[in-house]
Amino acid sequence: RLVGYTIDEVMGKNLVQEFVTKEYRAAVRAVLHKALRGKETANFEFPLMTKSGFRIEVLLNATTRRGEQGNVIGVVGIGQDITARLAQEREYSKLIDAANAPIFGVDTRGRVNV
């Protein structure tokens, strides 16, 4: 299932035209064309629209899909829904901006990361 759609509803459809928001179509199309030329793209963020019309943020890794003879037959895209993570980051940012006291985060090595 792709964001609420059944397999039958998405098979044969144009990914960019049908599911990507208008303002990101050119960028997503470029990522796919790059993968078709053998150049992988990692950690590309863009929005997708769900069947119910809700916008979700996706982190995409796109790589070339090759046939048995090594010829390019398409693109393999692996996407992760990062909507909640981005919302949490925005909340952290608001909290830090509005705080009257120092707020910071530290990683496992003691380095400040927020």
C-alpha atoms as a PDB file:
ATOM      1  CA  ARG A   1       0.000   0.000   0.000  1.00  0.00           C
ATOM      2  CA  LEU A   2       1.220   3.436  -0.917  1.00  0.00           C
ATOM      3  CA  VAL A   3      -0.127   6.033   1.535  1.00  0.00           C
ATOM      4  CA  GLY A   4      -3.567   4.472   1.780  1.00  0.00           C
ATOM      5  CA  TYR A   5      -3.947   3.281  -1.809  1.00  0.00           C
ATOM      6  CA  THR A   6      -4.348  -0.353  -2.802  1.00  0.00           C
ATOM      7  CA  ILE A   7      -1.883  -1.944  -5.204  1.00  0.00           C
ATOM      8  CA  ASP A   8      -4.545  -1.895  -7.935  1.00  0.00           C
ATOM      9  CA  GLU A   9      -5.016   1.855  -7.438  1.00  0.00           C
ATOM     10  CA  VAL A  10      -1.321   2.667  -7.940  1.00  0.00           C
ATOM     11  CA  MET A  11      -0.102   0.123 -10.491  1.00  0.00           C
ATOM     12  CA  GLY A  12       0.482   1.746 -13.864  1.00  0.00           C
ATOM     13  CA  LYS A  13       0.035   5.280 -12.527  1.00  0.00           C
ATOM     14  CA  ASN A  14       2.658   7.980 -12.962  1.00  0.00           C
ATOM     15  CA  LEU A  15       4.233   8.426  -9.521  1.00  0.00           C
ATOM     16  CA  VAL A  16       5.222  12.052 -10.019  1.00  0.00           C
ATOM     17  CA  GLN A  17       2.004  13.270 -11.657  1.00  0.00           C
ATOM     18  CA  GLU A  18      -0.422  11.346  -9.463  1.00  0.00           C
ATOM     19  CA  PHE A  19       1.112  11.379  -5.985  1.00  0.00           C
ATOM     20  CA  VAL A  20       3.701  14.149  -5.644  1.00  0.00           C
ATOM     21  CA  THR A  21       2.675  17.700  -4.763  1.00  0.00           C
ATOM     22  CA  LYS A  22       2.921  20.155  -7.643  1.00  0.00           C
ATOM     23  CA  GLU A  23       5.811  22.181  -6.200  1.00  0.00           C
ATOM     24  CA  TYR A  24       8.022  19.056  -5.882  1.00  0.00           C
ATOM     25  CA  ARG A  25       7.269  17.329  -9.186  1.00  0.00           C
ATOM     26  CA  ALA A  26      10.309  18.675 -11.042  1.00  0.00           C
ATOM     27  CA  ALA A  27      12.685  17.783  -8.197  1.00  0.00           C
ATOM     28  CA  VAL A  28      11.297  14.247  -7.780  1.00  0.00           C
ATOM     29  CA  ARG A  29      11.343  13.729 -11.545  1.00  0.00           C
ATOM     30  CA  ALA A  30      15.041  14.779 -11.535  1.00  0.00           C
ATOM     31  CA  VAL A  31      15.841  12.269  -8.765  1.00  0.00           C
ATOM     32  CA  LEU A  32      14.168   9.469 -10.734  1.00  0.00           C
ATOM     33  CA  HIS A  33      15.914  10.415 -13.997  1.00  0.00           C
ATOM     34  CA  LYS A  34      19.247  10.524 -12.155  1.00  0.00           C
ATOM     35  CA  ALA A  35      18.647   6.987 -10.852  1.00  0.00           C
ATOM     36  CA  LEU A  36      17.787   5.858 -14.387  1.00  0.00           C
ATOM     37  CA  ARG A  37      21.263   7.087 -15.410  1.00  0.00           C
ATOM     38  CA  GLY A  38      22.891   5.020 -12.644  1.00  0.00           C
ATOM     39  CA  LYS A  39      23.312   7.759 -10.050  1.00  0.00           C
ATOM     40  CA  GLU A  40      21.851   7.014  -6.621  1.00  0.00           C
ATOM     41  CA  THR A  41      20.143   9.677  -4.507  1.00  0.00           C
ATOM     42  CA  ALA A  42      20.044   9.294  -0.739  1.00  0.00           C
ATOM     43  CA  ASN A  43      17.998  11.163   1.859  1.00  0.00           C
ATOM     44  CA  PHE A  44      15.878  13.265  -0.488  1.00  0.00           C
ATOM     45  CA  GLU A  45      12.917  14.818   1.347  1.00  0.00           C
ATOM     46  CA  PHE A  46       9.628  15.545  -0.393  1.00  0.00           C
ATOM     47  CA  PRO A  47       5.873  15.427   0.305  1.00  0.00           C
ATOM     48  CA  LEU A  48       3.431  12.779  -0.908  1.00  0.00           C
ATOM     49  CA  MET A  49      -0.341  13.027  -0.814  1.00  0.00           C
ATOM     50  CA  THR A  50      -2.290  10.220   0.843  1.00  0.00           C
ATOM     51  CA  LYS A  51      -5.507   8.853  -0.580  1.00  0.00           C
ATOM     52  CA  SER A  52      -7.430  10.877   1.995  1.00  0.00           C
ATOM     53  CA  GLY A  53      -5.674  14.079   0.867  1.00  0.00           C
ATOM     54  CA  PHE A  54      -3.300  14.339   3.813  1.00  0.00           C
ATOM     55  CA  ARG A  55       0.253  15.474   3.066  1.00  0.00           C
ATOM     56  CA  ILE A  56       3.053  13.333   4.501  1.00  0.00           C
ATOM     57  CA  GLU A  57       6.775  14.045   4.363  1.00  0.00           C
ATOM     58  CA  VAL A  58       8.932  11.278   2.914  1.00  0.00           C
ATOM     59  CA  LEU A  59      12.664  10.616   3.059  1.00  0.00           C
ATOM     60  CA  LEU A  60      13.568   8.848  -0.194  1.00  0.00           C
ATOM     61  CA  ASN A  61      16.517   6.764  -1.309  1.00  0.00           C
ATOM     62  CA  ALA A  62      16.421   6.059  -5.052  1.00  0.00           C
ATOM     63  CA  THR A  63      18.715   3.665  -6.872  1.00  0.00           C
ATOM     64  CA  THR A  64      18.942   2.113 -10.316  1.00  0.00           C
ATOM     65  CA  ARG A  65      17.099  -1.155 -10.902  1.00  0.00           C
ATOM     66  CA  ARG A  66      18.923  -3.457 -13.299  1.00  0.00           C
ATOM     67  CA  GLY A  67      17.903  -6.610 -15.124  1.00  0.00           C
ATOM     68  CA  GLU A  68      19.816  -9.876 -15.328  1.00  0.00           C
ATOM     69  CA  GLN A  69      22.023  -8.545 -18.137  1.00  0.00           C
ATOM     70  CA  GLY A  70      22.843  -5.379 -16.158  1.00  0.00           C
ATOM     71  CA  ASN A  71      20.627  -3.151 -18.265  1.00  0.00           C
ATOM     72  CA  VAL A  72      18.592  -0.426 -16.557  1.00  0.00           C
ATOM     73  CA  ILE A  73      14.969  -1.502 -16.137  1.00  0.00           C
ATOM     74  CA  GLY A  74      13.750   1.111 -13.679  1.00  0.00           C
ATOM     75  CA  VAL A  75      14.246   2.659 -10.269  1.00  0.00           C
ATOM     76  CA  VAL A  76      13.925   1.208  -6.795  1.00  0.00           C
ATOM     77  CA  GLY A  77      12.717   3.811  -4.334  1.00  0.00           C
ATOM     78  CA  ILE A  78      12.600   3.277  -0.603  1.00  0.00           C
ATOM     79  CA  GLY A  79      10.712   5.921   1.305  1.00  0.00           C
ATOM     80  CA  GLN A  80      10.296   6.534   5.010  1.00  0.00           C
ATOM     81  CA  ASP A  81       7.501   8.637   6.506  1.00  0.00           C
ATOM     82  CA  ILE A  82       9.263  11.393   8.448  1.00  0.00           C
ATOM     83  CA  THR A  83       6.205  13.584   9.084  1.00  0.00           C
ATOM     84  CA  ALA A  84       6.224  13.057  12.868  1.00  0.00           C
ATOM     85  CA  ARG A  85       9.978  13.566  13.124  1.00  0.00           C
ATOM     86  CA  LEU A  86       9.808  16.895  11.285  1.00  0.00           C
ATOM     87  CA  ALA A  87       6.915  18.054  13.482  1.00  0.00           C
ATOM     88  CA  GLN A  88       8.924  17.137  16.585  1.00  0.00           C
ATOM     89  CA  GLU A  89      11.947  19.061  15.283  1.00  0.00           C
ATOM     90  CA  ARG A  90       9.753  22.135  14.731  1.00  0.00           C
ATOM     91  CA  GLU A  91       8.439  21.867  18.297  1.00  0.00           C
ATOM     92  CA  TYR A  92      11.975  21.612  19.686  1.00  0.00           C
ATOM     93  CA  SER A  93      12.947  24.671  17.702  1.00  0.00           C
ATOM     94  CA  LYS A  94       9.960  26.649  19.042  1.00  0.00           C
ATOM     95  CA  LEU A  95      10.751  25.579  22.599  1.00  0.00           C
ATOM     96  CA  ILE A  96      14.387  26.601  22.297  1.00  0.00           C
ATOM     97  CA  ASP A  97      13.499  29.941  20.676  1.00  0.00           C
ATOM     98  CA  ALA A  98      10.980  30.782  23.407  1.00  0.00           C
ATOM     99  CA  ALA A  99      12.976  29.573  26.417  1.00  0.00           C
ATOM    100  CA  ASN A 100      14.312  31.942  29.051  1.00  0.00           C
ATOM    101  CA  ALA A 101      16.873  29.353  30.110  1.00  0.00           C
ATOM    102  CA  PRO A 102      19.541  27.489  28.201  1.00  0.00           C
ATOM    103  CA  ILE A 103      18.242  24.304  26.584  1.00  0.00           C
ATOM    104  CA  PHE A 104      20.586  21.889  24.889  1.00  0.00           C
ATOM    105  CA  GLY A 105      20.935  18.289  23.846  1.00  0.00           C
ATOM    106  CA  VAL A 106      24.018  16.142  24.133  1.00  0.00           C
ATOM    107  CA  ASP A 107      24.827  12.984  22.178  1.00  0.00           C
ATOM    108  CA  THR A 108      26.386   9.829  23.643  1.00  0.00           C
ATOM    109  CA  ARG A 109      29.866  11.331  23.290  1.00  0.00           C
ATOM    110  CA  GLY A 110      28.981  14.475  25.195  1.00  0.00           C
ATOM    111  CA  ARG A 111      28.777  16.704  22.106  1.00  0.00           C
ATOM    112  CA  VAL A 112      26.066  19.354  21.949  1.00  0.00           C
ATOM    113  CA  ASN A 113      23.605  18.450  19.173  1.00  0.00           C
ATOM    114  CA  VAL A 114      20.529  20.632  19.891  1.00  0.00           C
END
